[in-house]
Protein backbone atom coordinates (compact mmCIF):
# COMPACT_ATOMS: atom_id res chain seq x y z
CA UNK A 1 45.68 -2.11 6.86
CA UNK A 2 45.04 -1.42 3.65
CA UNK A 3 41.00 0.01 4.68
CA UNK A 4 39.00 3.01 2.93
CA UNK A 5 38.71 6.37 5.76
CA UNK A 6 35.15 6.53 6.37
CA UNK A 7 33.42 9.26 8.15
CA UNK A 8 30.96 8.05 10.50
CA UNK A 9 28.99 11.17 10.71
CA UNK A 10 28.33 11.65 6.65
CA UNK A 11 27.75 7.88 6.27
CA UNK A 12 24.64 8.05 9.02
CA UNK A 13 23.07 11.35 7.20
CA UNK A 14 23.56 9.25 4.29
CA UNK A 15 21.80 5.97 5.25
CA UNK A 16 19.16 8.06 6.92
CA UNK A 17 18.46 10.17 3.98
CA UNK A 18 18.65 6.83 1.55
CA UNK A 19 15.99 5.67 4.29
CA UNK A 20 13.37 8.69 4.01
CA UNK A 21 13.48 8.10 -0.01
CA UNK A 22 12.45 4.20 0.86
CA UNK A 23 9.93 5.54 2.86
CA UNK A 24 8.74 8.09 0.84
CA UNK A 25 8.94 5.90 -2.20
CA UNK A 26 5.93 3.54 -0.50
CA UNK A 27 3.96 6.38 0.69
CA UNK A 28 4.17 7.31 -3.21
CA UNK A 29 2.62 3.70 -4.75
CA UNK A 30 0.09 3.53 -0.74
CA UNK A 31 -0.92 7.46 -0.83
CA UNK A 32 -0.22 8.58 -4.68
CA UNK A 33 -3.75 8.04 -6.18
CA UNK A 34 -6.16 10.38 -7.15
CA UNK A 35 -9.53 10.95 -5.84
CA UNK A 36 -10.99 9.87 -9.72
CA UNK A 37 -8.33 6.50 -9.34
CA UNK A 38 -9.76 5.77 -5.77
CA UNK A 39 -13.11 6.42 -6.54
CA UNK A 40 -12.96 3.21 -9.82
CA UNK A 41 -11.03 0.95 -6.97
CA UNK A 42 -14.21 1.59 -5.15
CA UNK A 43 -16.57 1.07 -7.32
CA UNK A 44 -15.02 -1.70 -8.92
CA UNK A 45 -14.44 -3.62 -5.48
CA UNK A 46 -18.44 -2.83 -5.04
CA UNK A 47 -18.89 -4.59 -8.35
CA UNK A 48 -16.79 -7.53 -6.94
CA UNK A 49 -19.01 -7.56 -3.70
CA UNK A 50 -22.39 -7.57 -5.27
CA UNK A 51 -21.43 -10.23 -7.68
CA UNK A 52 -20.09 -12.89 -5.32
CA UNK A 53 -22.92 -12.00 -2.74
CA UNK A 54 -24.75 -12.95 -6.40
CA UNK A 55 -23.71 -15.85 -5.94
CA UNK A 56 -24.13 -17.81 -2.97
CA UNK A 57 -26.24 -20.37 -2.53
CA UNK A 58 -26.89 -19.32 0.76
CA UNK A 59 -28.44 -15.57 1.19
CA UNK A 60 -27.06 -14.20 5.00
CA UNK A 61 -31.20 -13.52 6.17
CA UNK A 62 -31.64 -17.45 5.68
CA UNK A 63 -28.38 -18.44 7.73
CA UNK A 64 -30.62 -16.42 11.31
CA UNK A 65 -33.02 -19.10 11.84
């Protein structure tokens, strides 16, 4: 029986810290953008959508009869 002795309380705390760090990293990636970056992304998405709508063969208002 040459196993390593592990303090379960410390192991649980270490696991909780690691999970909290992973969640914090994900939140930094998701929400950690400046207002300028958010507005740039929004403008680019709107521009792409306008270009896509302009290349349609049928307009949405033509579909409603």
